[in-house]
PDB file of all heavy atoms in Angstrom:
ATOM      1  N   GLU A   1     -17.890  11.257  -0.091  1.00  0.00           N
ATOM      2  CA  GLU A   1     -17.003  11.150   0.966  1.00  0.00           C
ATOM      3  C   GLU A   1     -17.115   9.808   1.673  1.00  0.00           C
ATOM      4  O   GLU A   1     -18.240   9.210   1.759  1.00  0.00           O
ATOM      5  CB  GLU A   1     -17.336  12.161   2.047  1.00  0.00           C
ATOM      6  CG  GLU A   1     -16.407  12.189   3.232  1.00  0.00           C
ATOM      7  CD  GLU A   1     -16.730  13.445   4.113  1.00  0.00           C
ATOM      8  OE1 GLU A   1     -17.152  14.434   3.674  1.00  0.00           O
ATOM      9  OE2 GLU A   1     -16.430  13.282   5.365  1.00  0.00           O
ATOM     10  N   ALA A   2     -16.015   9.235   2.173  1.00  0.00           N
ATOM     11  CA  ALA A   2     -16.084   7.961   2.792  1.00  0.00           C
ATOM     12  C   ALA A   2     -15.067   7.842   3.959  1.00  0.00           C
ATOM     13  O   ALA A   2     -14.031   8.485   3.793  1.00  0.00           O
ATOM     14  CB  ALA A   2     -15.808   6.805   1.787  1.00  0.00           C
ATOM     15  N   ASP A   3     -15.334   7.077   5.001  1.00  0.00           N
ATOM     16  CA  ASP A   3     -14.457   6.923   6.100  1.00  0.00           C
ATOM     17  C   ASP A   3     -13.854   5.509   6.150  1.00  0.00           C
ATOM     18  O   ASP A   3     -14.541   4.588   5.624  1.00  0.00           O
ATOM     19  CB  ASP A   3     -15.220   7.120   7.365  1.00  0.00           C
ATOM     20  CG  ASP A   3     -15.576   8.659   7.621  1.00  0.00           C
ATOM     21  OD1 ASP A   3     -14.887   9.512   7.091  1.00  0.00           O
ATOM     22  OD2 ASP A   3     -16.649   8.832   8.215  1.00  0.00           O
ATOM     23  N   TYR A   4     -12.714   5.267   6.699  1.00  0.00           N
ATOM     24  CA  TYR A   4     -12.105   4.057   6.949  1.00  0.00           C
ATOM     25  C   TYR A   4     -12.020   3.272   5.612  1.00  0.00           C
ATOM     26  O   TYR A   4     -12.667   2.257   5.482  1.00  0.00           O
ATOM     27  CB  TYR A   4     -12.709   3.221   8.021  1.00  0.00           C
ATOM     28  CG  TYR A   4     -12.722   3.931   9.313  1.00  0.00           C
ATOM     29  CD1 TYR A   4     -13.894   4.606   9.791  1.00  0.00           C
ATOM     30  CD2 TYR A   4     -11.611   4.143   9.955  1.00  0.00           C
ATOM     31  CE1 TYR A   4     -13.937   5.303  10.974  1.00  0.00           C
ATOM     32  CE2 TYR A   4     -11.573   4.805  11.246  1.00  0.00           C
ATOM     33  CZ  TYR A   4     -12.723   5.440  11.688  1.00  0.00           C
ATOM     34  OH  TYR A   4     -12.741   6.155  12.918  1.00  0.00           O
ATOM     35  N   ILE A   5     -11.098   3.702   4.723  1.00  0.00           N
ATOM     36  CA  ILE A   5     -10.942   3.071   3.409  1.00  0.00           C
ATOM     37  C   ILE A   5      -9.781   2.155   3.333  1.00  0.00           C
ATOM     38  O   ILE A   5      -8.696   2.533   3.914  1.00  0.00           O
ATOM     39  CB  ILE A   5     -10.789   4.230   2.304  1.00  0.00           C
ATOM     40  CG1 ILE A   5     -11.928   5.132   2.410  1.00  0.00           C
ATOM     41  CG2 ILE A   5     -10.605   3.623   0.904  1.00  0.00           C
ATOM     42  CD1 ILE A   5     -13.289   4.550   1.987  1.00  0.00           C
ATOM     43  N   MET A   6      -9.874   1.022   2.766  1.00  0.00           N
ATOM     44  CA  MET A   6      -8.728   0.151   2.430  1.00  0.00           C
ATOM     45  C   MET A   6      -8.648  -0.076   0.950  1.00  0.00           C
ATOM     46  O   MET A   6      -9.557  -0.410   0.327  1.00  0.00           O
ATOM     47  CB  MET A   6      -9.025  -1.238   3.153  1.00  0.00           C
ATOM     48  CG  MET A   6      -7.880  -2.183   2.918  1.00  0.00           C
ATOM     49  SD  MET A   6      -8.006  -3.767   3.837  1.00  0.00           S
ATOM     50  CE  MET A   6      -9.426  -4.493   3.144  1.00  0.00           C
ATOM     51  N   ILE A   7      -7.411   0.162   0.529  1.00  0.00           N
ATOM     52  CA  ILE A   7      -7.096   0.019  -0.872  1.00  0.00           C
ATOM     53  C   ILE A   7      -6.213  -1.161  -0.990  1.00  0.00           C
ATOM     54  O   ILE A   7      -5.121  -1.269  -0.361  1.00  0.00           O
ATOM     55  CB  ILE A   7      -6.391   1.246  -1.410  1.00  0.00           C
ATOM     56  CG1 ILE A   7      -7.247   2.549  -1.103  1.00  0.00           C
ATOM     57  CG2 ILE A   7      -6.063   1.110  -2.828  1.00  0.00           C
ATOM     58  CD1 ILE A   7      -6.469   3.762  -1.019  1.00  0.00           C
ATOM     59  N   GLU A   8      -6.568  -2.215  -1.772  1.00  0.00           N
ATOM     60  CA  GLU A   8      -5.778  -3.482  -1.993  1.00  0.00           C
ATOM     61  C   GLU A   8      -5.198  -3.417  -3.382  1.00  0.00           C
ATOM     62  O   GLU A   8      -6.077  -3.403  -4.375  1.00  0.00           O
ATOM     63  CB  GLU A   8      -6.657  -4.670  -1.739  1.00  0.00           C
ATOM     64  CG  GLU A   8      -6.935  -4.899  -0.264  1.00  0.00           C
ATOM     65  CD  GLU A   8      -7.658  -6.188  -0.007  1.00  0.00           C
ATOM     66  OE1 GLU A   8      -8.266  -6.794  -0.972  1.00  0.00           O
ATOM     67  OE2 GLU A   8      -7.669  -6.671   1.122  1.00  0.00           O
ATOM     68  N   VAL A   9      -4.008  -3.428  -3.544  1.00  0.00           N
ATOM     69  CA  VAL A   9      -3.301  -3.300  -4.784  1.00  0.00           C
ATOM     70  C   VAL A   9      -2.528  -4.654  -5.043  1.00  0.00           C
ATOM     71  O   VAL A   9      -1.494  -4.772  -4.457  1.00  0.00           O
ATOM     72  CB  VAL A   9      -2.458  -2.127  -4.964  1.00  0.00           C
ATOM     73  CG1 VAL A   9      -1.892  -2.035  -6.418  1.00  0.00           C
ATOM     74  CG2 VAL A   9      -3.167  -0.881  -4.585  1.00  0.00           C
ATOM     75  N   PRO A  10      -2.991  -5.556  -5.919  1.00  0.00           N
ATOM     76  CA  PRO A  10      -2.181  -6.694  -6.184  1.00  0.00           C
ATOM     77  C   PRO A  10      -0.860  -6.448  -6.924  1.00  0.00           C
ATOM     78  O   PRO A  10      -0.782  -5.517  -7.691  1.00  0.00           O
ATOM     79  CB  PRO A  10      -3.088  -7.559  -7.067  1.00  0.00           C
ATOM     80  CG  PRO A  10      -4.412  -7.029  -6.892  1.00  0.00           C
ATOM     81  CD  PRO A  10      -4.231  -5.586  -6.621  1.00  0.00           C
ATOM     82  N   VAL A  11       0.157  -7.245  -6.639  1.00  0.00           N
ATOM     83  CA  VAL A  11       1.390  -7.185  -7.303  1.00  0.00           C
ATOM     84  C   VAL A  11       1.614  -8.294  -8.354  1.00  0.00           C
ATOM     85  O   VAL A  11       1.236  -9.368  -8.025  1.00  0.00           O
ATOM     86  CB  VAL A  11       2.534  -7.303  -6.232  1.00  0.00           C
ATOM     87  CG1 VAL A  11       3.840  -7.315  -6.875  1.00  0.00           C
ATOM     88  CG2 VAL A  11       2.473  -6.171  -5.194  1.00  0.00           C
ATOM     89  N   PRO A  12       1.917  -7.865  -9.627  1.00  0.00           N
ATOM     90  CA  PRO A  12       2.069  -8.909 -10.579  1.00  0.00           C
ATOM     91  C   PRO A  12       3.152  -9.982 -10.200  1.00  0.00           C
ATOM     92  O   PRO A  12       4.136  -9.643  -9.522  1.00  0.00           O
ATOM     93  CB  PRO A  12       2.566  -8.164 -11.779  1.00  0.00           C
ATOM     94  CG  PRO A  12       2.281  -6.822 -11.568  1.00  0.00           C
ATOM     95  CD  PRO A  12       2.218  -6.646 -10.109  1.00  0.00           C
ATOM     96  N   ALA A  13       2.940 -11.218 -10.559  1.00  0.00           N
ATOM     97  CA  ALA A  13       3.830 -12.350 -10.060  1.00  0.00           C
ATOM     98  C   ALA A  13       5.206 -12.192 -10.515  1.00  0.00           C
ATOM     99  O   ALA A  13       6.117 -12.628  -9.777  1.00  0.00           O
ATOM    100  CB  ALA A  13       3.265 -13.688 -10.663  1.00  0.00           C
ATOM    101  N   GLY A  14       5.596 -11.537 -11.557  1.00  0.00           N
ATOM    102  CA  GLY A  14       7.003 -11.435 -12.032  1.00  0.00           C
ATOM    103  C   GLY A  14       7.689 -10.276 -11.376  1.00  0.00           C
ATOM    104  O   GLY A  14       8.871 -10.002 -11.677  1.00  0.00           O
ATOM    105  N   CYS A  15       7.102  -9.561 -10.410  1.00  0.00           N
ATOM    106  CA  CYS A  15       7.682  -8.378  -9.757  1.00  0.00           C
ATOM    107  C   CYS A  15       7.876  -8.705  -8.264  1.00  0.00           C
ATOM    108  O   CYS A  15       7.164  -9.386  -7.679  1.00  0.00           O
ATOM    109  CB  CYS A  15       6.764  -7.123  -9.964  1.00  0.00           C
ATOM    110  SG  CYS A  15       6.561  -6.649 -11.609  1.00  0.00           S
ATOM    111  N   SER A  16       8.771  -7.856  -7.734  1.00  0.00           N
ATOM    112  CA  SER A  16       8.896  -7.845  -6.288  1.00  0.00           C
ATOM    113  C   SER A  16       9.052  -6.324  -5.947  1.00  0.00           C
ATOM    114  O   SER A  16       9.039  -5.495  -6.772  1.00  0.00           O
ATOM    115  CB  SER A  16      10.177  -8.558  -5.814  1.00  0.00           C
ATOM    116  OG  SER A  16      11.343  -8.029  -6.376  1.00  0.00           O
ATOM    117  N   TYR A  17       9.014  -6.043  -4.572  1.00  0.00           N
ATOM    118  CA  TYR A  17       9.060  -4.689  -4.221  1.00  0.00           C
ATOM    119  C   TYR A  17      10.435  -4.145  -4.363  1.00  0.00           C
ATOM    120  O   TYR A  17      11.399  -4.743  -4.102  1.00  0.00           O
ATOM    121  CB  TYR A  17       8.658  -4.584  -2.721  1.00  0.00           C
ATOM    122  CG  TYR A  17       7.177  -4.911  -2.473  1.00  0.00           C
ATOM    123  CD1 TYR A  17       6.873  -6.137  -1.851  1.00  0.00           C
ATOM    124  CD2 TYR A  17       6.133  -4.173  -2.921  1.00  0.00           C
ATOM    125  CE1 TYR A  17       5.575  -6.434  -1.524  1.00  0.00           C
ATOM    126  CE2 TYR A  17       4.820  -4.447  -2.714  1.00  0.00           C
ATOM    127  CZ  TYR A  17       4.534  -5.622  -2.047  1.00  0.00           C
ATOM    128  OH  TYR A  17       3.239  -5.953  -1.836  1.00  0.00           O
ATOM    129  N   GLY A  18      10.464  -2.824  -4.712  1.00  0.00           N
ATOM    130  CA  GLY A  18      11.664  -2.041  -4.815  1.00  0.00           C
ATOM    131  C   GLY A  18      12.008  -1.335  -3.485  1.00  0.00           C
ATOM    132  O   GLY A  18      13.032  -1.552  -2.877  1.00  0.00           O
ATOM    133  N   ASN A  19      11.043  -0.605  -3.041  1.00  0.00           N
ATOM    134  CA  ASN A  19      11.149   0.155  -1.774  1.00  0.00           C
ATOM    135  C   ASN A  19       9.843   0.030  -1.032  1.00  0.00           C
ATOM    136  O   ASN A  19       8.778   0.343  -1.569  1.00  0.00           O
ATOM    137  CB  ASN A  19      11.495   1.676  -2.109  1.00  0.00           C
ATOM    138  CG  ASN A  19      11.686   2.456  -0.858  1.00  0.00           C
ATOM    139  OD1 ASN A  19      11.722   1.965   0.271  1.00  0.00           O
ATOM    140  ND2 ASN A  19      11.792   3.750  -0.991  1.00  0.00           N
ATOM    141  N   LYS A  20       9.898  -0.308   0.212  1.00  0.00           N
ATOM    142  CA  LYS A  20       8.692  -0.513   1.020  1.00  0.00           C
ATOM    143  C   LYS A  20       8.530   0.770   1.971  1.00  0.00           C
ATOM    144  O   LYS A  20       8.577   0.646   3.162  1.00  0.00           O
ATOM    145  CB  LYS A  20       8.717  -1.801   1.855  1.00  0.00           C
ATOM    146  CG  LYS A  20       8.741  -3.042   0.956  1.00  0.00           C
ATOM    147  CD  LYS A  20       8.743  -4.252   1.919  1.00  0.00           C
ATOM    148  CE  LYS A  20       8.802  -5.544   1.111  1.00  0.00           C
ATOM    149  NZ  LYS A  20       8.700  -6.737   1.868  1.00  0.00           N
ATOM    150  N   ALA A  21       8.326   1.813   1.391  1.00  0.00           N
ATOM    151  CA  ALA A  21       8.194   3.135   2.092  1.00  0.00           C
ATOM    152  C   ALA A  21       6.843   3.278   2.648  1.00  0.00           C
ATOM    153  O   ALA A  21       5.864   2.729   2.117  1.00  0.00           O
ATOM    154  CB  ALA A  21       8.570   4.262   1.159  1.00  0.00           C
ATOM    155  N   GLN A  22       6.782   4.037   3.803  1.00  0.00           N
ATOM    156  CA  GLN A  22       5.473   4.400   4.412  1.00  0.00           C
ATOM    157  C   GLN A  22       5.317   5.870   4.026  1.00  0.00           C
ATOM    158  O   GLN A  22       6.243   6.728   4.158  1.00  0.00           O
ATOM    159  CB  GLN A  22       5.574   4.299   5.954  1.00  0.00           C
ATOM    160  CG  GLN A  22       5.659   2.797   6.371  1.00  0.00           C
ATOM    161  CD  GLN A  22       4.335   2.094   6.216  1.00  0.00           C
ATOM    162  OE1 GLN A  22       3.298   2.713   6.202  1.00  0.00           O
ATOM    163  NE2 GLN A  22       4.520   0.761   6.005  1.00  0.00           N
ATOM    164  N   TYR A  23       4.100   6.271   3.591  1.00  0.00           N
ATOM    165  CA  TYR A  23       3.851   7.537   3.130  1.00  0.00           C
ATOM    166  C   TYR A  23       2.865   8.340   4.048  1.00  0.00           C
ATOM    167  O   TYR A  23       2.277   9.342   3.590  1.00  0.00           O
ATOM    168  CB  TYR A  23       3.294   7.521   1.637  1.00  0.00           C
ATOM    169  CG  TYR A  23       4.297   7.025   0.742  1.00  0.00           C
ATOM    170  CD1 TYR A  23       4.377   5.717   0.292  1.00  0.00           C
ATOM    171  CD2 TYR A  23       5.357   7.845   0.227  1.00  0.00           C
ATOM    172  CE1 TYR A  23       5.274   5.209  -0.545  1.00  0.00           C
ATOM    173  CE2 TYR A  23       6.291   7.319  -0.682  1.00  0.00           C
ATOM    174  CZ  TYR A  23       6.266   6.022  -1.060  1.00  0.00           C
ATOM    175  OH  TYR A  23       7.212   5.549  -1.940  1.00  0.00           O
ATOM    176  N   ALA A  24       2.576   7.792   5.186  1.00  0.00           N
ATOM    177  CA  ALA A  24       1.576   8.340   6.069  1.00  0.00           C
ATOM    178  C   ALA A  24       1.840   9.788   6.507  1.00  0.00           C
ATOM    179  O   ALA A  24       0.953  10.574   6.656  1.00  0.00           O
ATOM    180  CB  ALA A  24       1.434   7.472   7.298  1.00  0.00           C
ATOM    181  N   TYR A  25       3.144  10.187   6.565  1.00  0.00           N
ATOM    182  CA  TYR A  25       3.406  11.551   6.990  1.00  0.00           C
ATOM    183  C   TYR A  25       3.095  12.652   6.010  1.00  0.00           C
ATOM    184  O   TYR A  25       3.046  13.807   6.353  1.00  0.00           O
ATOM    185  CB  TYR A  25       4.866  11.650   7.485  1.00  0.00           C
ATOM    186  CG  TYR A  25       5.893  11.424   6.440  1.00  0.00           C
ATOM    187  CD1 TYR A  25       6.354  12.465   5.681  1.00  0.00           C
ATOM    188  CD2 TYR A  25       6.273  10.146   5.954  1.00  0.00           C
ATOM    189  CE1 TYR A  25       7.276  12.254   4.629  1.00  0.00           C
ATOM    190  CE2 TYR A  25       7.145   9.954   5.077  1.00  0.00           C
ATOM    191  CZ  TYR A  25       7.721  11.045   4.332  1.00  0.00           C
ATOM    192  OH  TYR A  25       8.619  10.909   3.348  1.00  0.00           O
ATOM    193  N   LYS A  26       2.995  12.320   4.762  1.00  0.00           N
ATOM    194  CA  LYS A  26       2.805  13.344   3.735  1.00  0.00           C
ATOM    195  C   LYS A  26       1.600  13.119   2.785  1.00  0.00           C
ATOM    196  O   LYS A  26       1.597  13.690   1.694  1.00  0.00           O
ATOM    197  CB  LYS A  26       4.100  13.562   2.931  1.00  0.00           C
ATOM    198  CG  LYS A  26       4.505  12.268   2.117  1.00  0.00           C
ATOM    199  CD  LYS A  26       5.736  12.648   1.302  1.00  0.00           C
ATOM    200  CE  LYS A  26       6.089  11.371   0.522  1.00  0.00           C
ATOM    201  NZ  LYS A  26       7.269  11.643  -0.296  1.00  0.00           N
ATOM    202  N   SER A  27       0.701  12.275   3.231  1.00  0.00           N
ATOM    203  CA  SER A  27      -0.431  11.932   2.337  1.00  0.00           C
ATOM    204  C   SER A  27      -1.689  11.700   3.195  1.00  0.00           C
ATOM    205  O   SER A  27      -1.666  11.762   4.401  1.00  0.00           O
ATOM    206  CB  SER A  27      -0.179  10.917   1.357  1.00  0.00           C
ATOM    207  OG  SER A  27      -0.071   9.611   2.063  1.00  0.00           O
ATOM    208  N   VAL A  28      -2.809  11.354   2.479  1.00  0.00           N
ATOM    209  CA  VAL A  28      -4.020  10.988   3.227  1.00  0.00           C
ATOM    210  C   VAL A  28      -4.023   9.584   3.899  1.00  0.00           C
ATOM    211  O   VAL A  28      -4.841   9.190   4.640  1.00  0.00           O
ATOM    212  CB  VAL A  28      -5.285  11.046   2.204  1.00  0.00           C
ATOM    213  CG1 VAL A  28      -5.426  12.525   1.781  1.00  0.00           C
ATOM    214  CG2 VAL A  28      -5.009  10.149   1.075  1.00  0.00           C
ATOM    215  N   GLU A  29      -2.994   8.736   3.469  1.00  0.00           N
ATOM    216  CA  GLU A  29      -3.051   7.439   4.041  1.00  0.00           C
ATOM    217  C   GLU A  29      -2.554   7.426   5.477  1.00  0.00           C
ATOM    218  O   GLU A  29      -1.639   8.266   5.902  1.00  0.00           O
ATOM    219  CB  GLU A  29      -2.186   6.532   3.155  1.00  0.00           C
ATOM    220  CG  GLU A  29      -0.718   6.773   3.139  1.00  0.00           C
ATOM    221  CD  GLU A  29       0.012   5.784   2.110  1.00  0.00           C
ATOM    222  OE1 GLU A  29      -0.135   5.986   0.911  1.00  0.00           O
ATOM    223  OE2 GLU A  29       0.598   4.886   2.535  1.00  0.00           O
ATOM    224  N   VAL A  30      -3.025   6.428   6.252  1.00  0.00           N
ATOM    225  CA  VAL A  30      -2.627   6.330   7.615  1.00  0.00           C
ATOM    226  C   VAL A  30      -1.517   5.273   7.822  1.00  0.00           C
ATOM    227  O   VAL A  30      -0.712   5.373   8.652  1.00  0.00           O
ATOM    228  CB  VAL A  30      -3.922   6.079   8.490  1.00  0.00           C
ATOM    229  CG1 VAL A  30      -3.522   5.766   9.925  1.00  0.00           C
ATOM    230  CG2 VAL A  30      -4.866   7.090   8.376  1.00  0.00           C
ATOM    231  N   HIS A  31      -1.688   4.188   7.015  1.00  0.00           N
ATOM    232  CA  HIS A  31      -0.772   3.034   7.151  1.00  0.00           C
ATOM    233  C   HIS A  31      -0.773   2.282   5.877  1.00  0.00           C
ATOM    234  O   HIS A  31      -1.661   2.321   5.052  1.00  0.00           O
ATOM    235  CB  HIS A  31      -1.239   2.144   8.295  1.00  0.00           C
ATOM    236  CG  HIS A  31      -0.338   0.960   8.529  1.00  0.00           C
ATOM    237  ND1 HIS A  31       0.894   1.133   9.034  1.00  0.00           N
ATOM    238  CD2 HIS A  31      -0.524  -0.343   8.428  1.00  0.00           C
ATOM    239  CE1 HIS A  31       1.497  -0.046   9.166  1.00  0.00           C
ATOM    240  NE2 HIS A  31       0.607  -0.970   8.777  1.00  0.00           N
ATOM    241  N   ARG A  32       0.386   1.562   5.668  1.00  0.00           N
ATOM    242  CA  ARG A  32       0.561   0.798   4.462  1.00  0.00           C
ATOM    243  C   ARG A  32       1.243  -0.524   4.904  1.00  0.00           C
ATOM    244  O   ARG A  32       2.136  -0.571   5.620  1.00  0.00           O
ATOM    245  CB  ARG A  32       1.500   1.542   3.499  1.00  0.00           C
ATOM    246  CG  ARG A  32       1.638   0.858   2.170  1.00  0.00           C
ATOM    247  CD  ARG A  32       2.544   1.728   1.257  1.00  0.00           C
ATOM    248  NE  ARG A  32       1.801   2.771   0.736  1.00  0.00           N
ATOM    249  CZ  ARG A  32       2.041   3.347  -0.480  1.00  0.00           C
ATOM    250  NH1 ARG A  32       2.992   2.748  -1.295  1.00  0.00           N
ATOM    251  NH2 ARG A  32       1.346   4.289  -0.987  1.00  0.00           N
ATOM    252  N   GLU A  33       0.681  -1.688   4.454  1.00  0.00           N
ATOM    253  CA  GLU A  33       1.208  -2.955   4.634  1.00  0.00           C
ATOM    254  C   GLU A  33       1.530  -3.576   3.322  1.00  0.00           C
ATOM    255  O   GLU A  33       0.824  -3.616   2.428  1.00  0.00           O
ATOM    256  CB  GLU A  33       0.160  -3.807   5.412  1.00  0.00           C
ATOM    257  CG  GLU A  33      -0.123  -3.305   6.803  1.00  0.00           C
ATOM    258  CD  GLU A  33      -0.975  -4.243   7.544  1.00  0.00           C
ATOM    259  OE1 GLU A  33      -1.167  -5.468   7.131  1.00  0.00           O
ATOM    260  OE2 GLU A  33      -1.544  -3.774   8.558  1.00  0.00           O
ATOM    261  N   TYR A  34       2.786  -4.212   3.335  1.00  0.00           N
ATOM    262  CA  TYR A  34       3.313  -4.950   2.199  1.00  0.00           C
ATOM    263  C   TYR A  34       3.304  -6.359   2.392  1.00  0.00           C
ATOM    264  O   TYR A  34       3.833  -6.969   3.248  1.00  0.00           O
ATOM    265  CB  TYR A  34       4.742  -4.434   1.905  1.00  0.00           C
ATOM    266  CG  TYR A  34       4.891  -3.021   1.422  1.00  0.00           C
ATOM    267  CD1 TYR A  34       5.160  -2.027   2.399  1.00  0.00           C
ATOM    268  CD2 TYR A  34       4.725  -2.726   0.172  1.00  0.00           C
ATOM    269  CE1 TYR A  34       5.255  -0.747   1.958  1.00  0.00           C
ATOM    270  CE2 TYR A  34       4.787  -1.351  -0.212  1.00  0.00           C
ATOM    271  CZ  TYR A  34       5.124  -0.375   0.707  1.00  0.00           C
ATOM    272  OH  TYR A  34       5.242   0.905   0.333  1.00  0.00           O
ATOM    273  N   PHE A  35       2.419  -7.056   1.553  1.00  0.00           N
ATOM    274  CA  PHE A  35       2.387  -8.550   1.570  1.00  0.00           C
ATOM    275  C   PHE A  35       3.040  -9.111   0.372  1.00  0.00           C
ATOM    276  O   PHE A  35       3.272  -8.324  -0.597  1.00  0.00           O
ATOM    277  CB  PHE A  35       0.871  -9.002   1.673  1.00  0.00           C
ATOM    278  CG  PHE A  35       0.112  -8.456   2.890  1.00  0.00           C
ATOM    279  CD1 PHE A  35      -0.730  -7.388   2.778  1.00  0.00           C
ATOM    280  CD2 PHE A  35       0.259  -9.131   3.985  1.00  0.00           C
ATOM    281  CE1 PHE A  35      -1.344  -6.939   3.792  1.00  0.00           C
ATOM    282  CE2 PHE A  35      -0.429  -8.720   5.193  1.00  0.00           C
ATOM    283  CZ  PHE A  35      -1.257  -7.689   5.011  1.00  0.00           C
ATOM    284  N   LYS A  36       3.294 -10.425   0.256  1.00  0.00           N
ATOM    285  CA  LYS A  36       3.941 -10.887  -0.931  1.00  0.00           C
ATOM    286  C   LYS A  36       3.166 -10.813  -2.156  1.00  0.00           C
ATOM    287  O   LYS A  36       3.729 -10.696  -3.283  1.00  0.00           O
ATOM    288  CB  LYS A  36       4.364 -12.427  -0.658  1.00  0.00           C
ATOM    289  CG  LYS A  36       3.226 -13.369  -0.457  1.00  0.00           C
ATOM    290  CD  LYS A  36       3.692 -14.778  -0.209  1.00  0.00           C
ATOM    291  CE  LYS A  36       2.597 -15.638   0.097  1.00  0.00           C
ATOM    292  NZ  LYS A  36       2.997 -16.974   0.453  1.00  0.00           N
ATOM    293  N   GLU A  37       1.802 -10.840  -2.063  1.00  0.00           N
ATOM    294  CA  GLU A  37       0.965 -10.828  -3.166  1.00  0.00           C
ATOM    295  C   GLU A  37       0.173  -9.429  -3.413  1.00  0.00           C
ATOM    296  O   GLU A  37      -0.423  -9.241  -4.487  1.00  0.00           O
ATOM    297  CB  GLU A  37      -0.114 -11.924  -3.177  1.00  0.00           C
ATOM    298  CG  GLU A  37      -1.260 -11.747  -2.330  1.00  0.00           C
ATOM    299  CD  GLU A  37      -1.006 -11.952  -0.776  1.00  0.00           C
ATOM    300  OE1 GLU A  37       0.078 -12.161  -0.381  1.00  0.00           O
ATOM    301  OE2 GLU A  37      -2.028 -11.706  -0.048  1.00  0.00           O
ATOM    302  N   LYS A  38       0.261  -8.611  -2.450  1.00  0.00           N
ATOM    303  CA  LYS A  38      -0.540  -7.326  -2.573  1.00  0.00           C
ATOM    304  C   LYS A  38       0.037  -6.258  -1.564  1.00  0.00           C
ATOM    305  O   LYS A  38       0.694  -6.657  -0.701  1.00  0.00           O
ATOM    306  CB  LYS A  38      -2.003  -7.571  -2.283  1.00  0.00           C
ATOM    307  CG  LYS A  38      -2.287  -7.919  -0.880  1.00  0.00           C
ATOM    308  CD  LYS A  38      -3.748  -8.120  -0.674  1.00  0.00           C
ATOM    309  CE  LYS A  38      -3.927  -8.621   0.877  1.00  0.00           C
ATOM    310  NZ  LYS A  38      -5.315  -8.910   1.177  1.00  0.00           N
TER     311      LYS A  38
END
């Protein structure tokens, strides 16, 4: 068990985002931030 977890997922250079949805209402995540590289 762990508290206050941050998951960083890099985005491959040839890709861009399709949909920048927030999933906090239906999962364990509290917030999601979309950056150009991750």
